[in-house]
Amino acid sequence: MSDTEPAWFKSSYSGTAGDNCIEIAATDQTVHVRDSKDLARPHFAVGRDGWSAFVQYVRD
């Protein structure tokens, strides 16, 4: 596991006010998710397969 901070980004659908957003950071094996309003709160990570299933569910 790397000690470097992952590159976080918000969805292009996020508003300019920056509220009610999540940010994600993808690595080779996981996708990290955090609340953009509370960066002190720990983020969580899911495997790429789990993230893909979640995104497909949302699209459907």
C-alpha atoms as a PDB file:
ATOM      1  CA  MET A   1       0.000   0.000   0.000  1.00  0.00           C
ATOM      2  CA  SER A   2       1.301   3.444  -0.936  1.00  0.00           C
ATOM      3  CA  ASP A   3       1.709   6.289   1.568  1.00  0.00           C
ATOM      4  CA  THR A   4       0.878   8.901  -1.073  1.00  0.00           C
ATOM      5  CA  GLU A   5      -2.504  10.598  -1.150  1.00  0.00           C
ATOM      6  CA  PRO A   6      -4.684   9.421  -4.050  1.00  0.00           C
ATOM      7  CA  ALA A   7      -5.864  11.927  -6.671  1.00  0.00           C
ATOM      8  CA  TRP A   8      -9.429  12.835  -5.665  1.00  0.00           C
ATOM      9  CA  PHE A   9     -12.025  14.204  -8.077  1.00  0.00           C
ATOM     10  CA  LYS A  10     -15.700  15.156  -8.111  1.00  0.00           C
ATOM     11  CA  SER A  11     -18.278  14.266 -10.702  1.00  0.00           C
ATOM     12  CA  SER A  12     -18.819  16.720 -13.542  1.00  0.00           C
ATOM     13  CA  TYR A  13     -22.462  16.709 -12.383  1.00  0.00           C
ATOM     14  CA  SER A  14     -21.501  18.327  -9.058  1.00  0.00           C
ATOM     15  CA  GLY A  15     -22.686  21.865  -8.550  1.00  0.00           C
ATOM     16  CA  THR A  16     -20.335  24.827  -8.370  1.00  0.00           C
ATOM     17  CA  ALA A  17     -21.232  25.415  -4.704  1.00  0.00           C
ATOM     18  CA  GLY A  18     -19.465  22.164  -3.766  1.00  0.00           C
ATOM     19  CA  ASP A  19     -22.224  20.924  -1.494  1.00  0.00           C
ATOM     20  CA  ASN A  20     -23.676  17.416  -1.318  1.00  0.00           C
ATOM     21  CA  CYS A  21     -20.852  15.846  -3.294  1.00  0.00           C
ATOM     22  CA  ILE A  22     -18.756  12.784  -3.017  1.00  0.00           C
ATOM     23  CA  GLU A  23     -15.257  12.498  -4.353  1.00  0.00           C
ATOM     24  CA  ILE A  24     -13.576   9.385  -5.654  1.00  0.00           C
ATOM     25  CA  ALA A  25      -9.975   8.338  -6.169  1.00  0.00           C
ATOM     26  CA  ALA A  26      -9.191   5.211  -8.163  1.00  0.00           C
ATOM     27  CA  THR A  27      -6.140   3.019  -7.695  1.00  0.00           C
ATOM     28  CA  ASP A  28      -5.195  -0.177  -9.499  1.00  0.00           C
ATOM     29  CA  GLN A  29      -7.319  -2.346  -7.211  1.00  0.00           C
ATOM     30  CA  THR A  30      -9.750  -0.073  -5.370  1.00  0.00           C
ATOM     31  CA  VAL A  31     -11.963   2.978  -5.623  1.00  0.00           C
ATOM     32  CA  HIS A  32     -11.870   5.272  -2.588  1.00  0.00           C
ATOM     33  CA  VAL A  33     -14.953   7.360  -1.739  1.00  0.00           C
ATOM     34  CA  ARG A  34     -15.218  10.351   0.592  1.00  0.00           C
ATOM     35  CA  ASP A  35     -17.621  13.141   1.540  1.00  0.00           C
ATOM     36  CA  SER A  36     -16.384  16.426   0.057  1.00  0.00           C
ATOM     37  CA  LYS A  37     -18.020  18.397   2.882  1.00  0.00           C
ATOM     38  CA  ASP A  38     -16.147  16.557   5.651  1.00  0.00           C
ATOM     39  CA  LEU A  39     -12.595  15.704   4.623  1.00  0.00           C
ATOM     40  CA  ALA A  40     -11.649  14.899   8.233  1.00  0.00           C
ATOM     41  CA  ARG A  41     -14.021  11.938   8.196  1.00  0.00           C
ATOM     42  CA  PRO A  42     -12.394   8.695   7.061  1.00  0.00           C
ATOM     43  CA  HIS A  43     -13.031   7.565   3.504  1.00  0.00           C
ATOM     44  CA  PHE A  44     -13.912   4.028   2.484  1.00  0.00           C
ATOM     45  CA  ALA A  45     -12.700   1.852  -0.347  1.00  0.00           C
ATOM     46  CA  VAL A  46     -14.373  -0.761  -2.502  1.00  0.00           C
ATOM     47  CA  GLY A  47     -12.943  -3.141  -5.062  1.00  0.00           C
ATOM     48  CA  ARG A  48     -13.186  -2.178  -8.709  1.00  0.00           C
ATOM     49  CA  ASP A  49     -15.741  -4.944  -9.339  1.00  0.00           C
ATOM     50  CA  GLY A  50     -17.938  -3.640  -6.533  1.00  0.00           C
ATOM     51  CA  TRP A  51     -17.655  -0.068  -7.842  1.00  0.00           C
ATOM     52  CA  SER A  52     -18.532  -1.189 -11.373  1.00  0.00           C
ATOM     53  CA  ALA A  53     -21.607  -3.041 -10.078  1.00  0.00           C
ATOM     54  CA  PHE A  54     -22.694   0.065  -8.120  1.00  0.00           C
ATOM     55  CA  VAL A  55     -22.306   2.354 -11.137  1.00  0.00           C
ATOM     56  CA  GLN A  56     -24.234  -0.076 -13.347  1.00  0.00           C
ATOM     57  CA  TYR A  57     -27.022  -0.254 -10.759  1.00  0.00           C
ATOM     58  CA  VAL A  58     -27.267   3.547 -10.666  1.00  0.00           C
ATOM     59  CA  ARG A  59     -27.367   3.726 -14.464  1.00  0.00           C
ATOM     60  CA  ASP A  60     -30.150   1.154 -14.664  1.00  0.00           C
END
